[in-house]
Amino acid sequence: MPKIKTHSGAKKRFKLTKNGKVKRSHAYKSHLLNGHGKTPKRKRGLRKAAYADKTNLATIKKLIPYK
């Protein structure tokens, strides 16, 4: 069997934990961060990491087979 190529977009966005969960960062954190964009409370929440939903786990794990 040939090696499977890792999806280069996925490898930048997801990390696998020891227990097999997929860690991800939040979206909407790139611009409009001051003034009339987002509240400080909302921006603090976006800083924290989150876990990918179980419905997407199999797909993501296929994209990053060697992580």
C-alpha atoms as a PDB file:
ATOM      1  CA  MET A   1       0.000   0.000   0.000  1.00  0.00           C
ATOM      2  CA  PRO A   2       1.301   3.484  -0.808  1.00  0.00           C
ATOM      3  CA  LYS A   3       1.502   6.178   1.819  1.00  0.00           C
ATOM      4  CA  ILE A   4      -1.481   8.504   2.267  1.00  0.00           C
ATOM      5  CA  LYS A   5      -0.883  12.196   1.750  1.00  0.00           C
ATOM      6  CA  THR A   6      -1.726  14.475   4.676  1.00  0.00           C
ATOM      7  CA  HIS A   7      -4.133  17.295   3.839  1.00  0.00           C
ATOM      8  CA  SER A   8      -2.009  20.441   4.218  1.00  0.00           C
ATOM      9  CA  GLY A   9      -4.946  22.613   5.294  1.00  0.00           C
ATOM     10  CA  ALA A  10      -6.033  20.129   7.940  1.00  0.00           C
ATOM     11  CA  LYS A  11      -2.582  19.675   9.445  1.00  0.00           C
ATOM     12  CA  LYS A  12      -2.454  23.416  10.188  1.00  0.00           C
ATOM     13  CA  ARG A  13      -5.906  23.464  11.771  1.00  0.00           C
ATOM     14  CA  PHE A  14      -6.180  20.287  13.848  1.00  0.00           C
ATOM     15  CA  LYS A  15      -4.155  18.459  16.498  1.00  0.00           C
ATOM     16  CA  LEU A  16      -4.822  14.990  17.866  1.00  0.00           C
ATOM     17  CA  THR A  17      -4.829  14.504  21.646  1.00  0.00           C
ATOM     18  CA  LYS A  18      -3.542  11.417  23.442  1.00  0.00           C
ATOM     19  CA  ASN A  19      -7.072  10.098  23.875  1.00  0.00           C
ATOM     20  CA  GLY A  20      -7.848  10.409  20.171  1.00  0.00           C
ATOM     21  CA  LYS A  21      -9.897  13.598  20.352  1.00  0.00           C
ATOM     22  CA  VAL A  22      -9.400  16.274  17.704  1.00  0.00           C
ATOM     23  CA  LYS A  23      -8.481  19.709  19.019  1.00  0.00           C
ATOM     24  CA  ARG A  24      -9.331  22.790  16.976  1.00  0.00           C
ATOM     25  CA  SER A  25      -9.270  26.562  17.286  1.00  0.00           C
ATOM     26  CA  HIS A  26     -12.269  28.846  16.987  1.00  0.00           C
ATOM     27  CA  ALA A  27     -13.319  30.628  13.812  1.00  0.00           C
ATOM     28  CA  TYR A  28     -14.040  34.399  13.509  1.00  0.00           C
ATOM     29  CA  LYS A  29     -10.836  35.466  15.231  1.00  0.00           C
ATOM     30  CA  SER A  30      -8.951  37.099  12.378  1.00  0.00           C
ATOM     31  CA  HIS A  31     -10.325  40.627  11.948  1.00  0.00           C
ATOM     32  CA  LEU A  32     -12.828  43.188  13.286  1.00  0.00           C
ATOM     33  CA  LEU A  33     -11.385  42.634  16.743  1.00  0.00           C
ATOM     34  CA  ASN A  34     -11.743  46.185  18.109  1.00  0.00           C
ATOM     35  CA  GLY A  35     -14.279  48.980  18.027  1.00  0.00           C
ATOM     36  CA  HIS A  36     -17.606  47.841  16.652  1.00  0.00           C
ATOM     37  CA  GLY A  37     -16.481  44.283  15.938  1.00  0.00           C
ATOM     38  CA  LYS A  38     -16.600  41.894  18.884  1.00  0.00           C
ATOM     39  CA  THR A  39     -16.938  42.316  22.630  1.00  0.00           C
ATOM     40  CA  PRO A  40     -13.968  41.517  24.906  1.00  0.00           C
ATOM     41  CA  LYS A  41     -15.930  38.645  26.455  1.00  0.00           C
ATOM     42  CA  ARG A  42     -16.510  37.088  23.054  1.00  0.00           C
ATOM     43  CA  LYS A  43     -12.847  37.488  22.060  1.00  0.00           C
ATOM     44  CA  ARG A  44     -11.699  35.805  25.288  1.00  0.00           C
ATOM     45  CA  GLY A  45     -13.889  32.828  24.491  1.00  0.00           C
ATOM     46  CA  LEU A  46     -12.467  32.568  20.983  1.00  0.00           C
ATOM     47  CA  ARG A  47      -8.925  32.259  22.397  1.00  0.00           C
ATOM     48  CA  LYS A  48      -9.666  28.943  24.061  1.00  0.00           C
ATOM     49  CA  ALA A  49      -9.265  25.705  22.144  1.00  0.00           C
ATOM     50  CA  ALA A  50     -12.239  23.471  21.422  1.00  0.00           C
ATOM     51  CA  TYR A  51     -12.794  19.892  20.341  1.00  0.00           C
ATOM     52  CA  ALA A  52     -14.155  18.876  16.957  1.00  0.00           C
ATOM     53  CA  ASP A  53     -17.651  17.420  16.929  1.00  0.00           C
ATOM     54  CA  LYS A  54     -17.947  13.622  16.879  1.00  0.00           C
ATOM     55  CA  THR A  55     -19.783  13.772  13.531  1.00  0.00           C
ATOM     56  CA  ASN A  56     -16.612  15.145  11.882  1.00  0.00           C
ATOM     57  CA  LEU A  57     -14.023  12.993  13.679  1.00  0.00           C
ATOM     58  CA  ALA A  58     -13.704  10.227  11.082  1.00  0.00           C
ATOM     59  CA  THR A  59     -13.286  12.707   8.224  1.00  0.00           C
ATOM     60  CA  ILE A  60     -10.655  14.769  10.034  1.00  0.00           C
ATOM     61  CA  LYS A  61      -8.681  11.688  11.084  1.00  0.00           C
ATOM     62  CA  LYS A  62      -8.541  10.559   7.443  1.00  0.00           C
ATOM     63  CA  LEU A  63      -7.099  13.944   6.477  1.00  0.00           C
ATOM     64  CA  ILE A  64      -4.324  13.745   9.104  1.00  0.00           C
ATOM     65  CA  PRO A  65      -3.360  10.049   9.143  1.00  0.00           C
ATOM     66  CA  TYR A  66       0.150  10.386  10.636  1.00  0.00           C
ATOM     67  CA  LYS A  67      -0.443  12.965  13.389  1.00  0.00           C
END
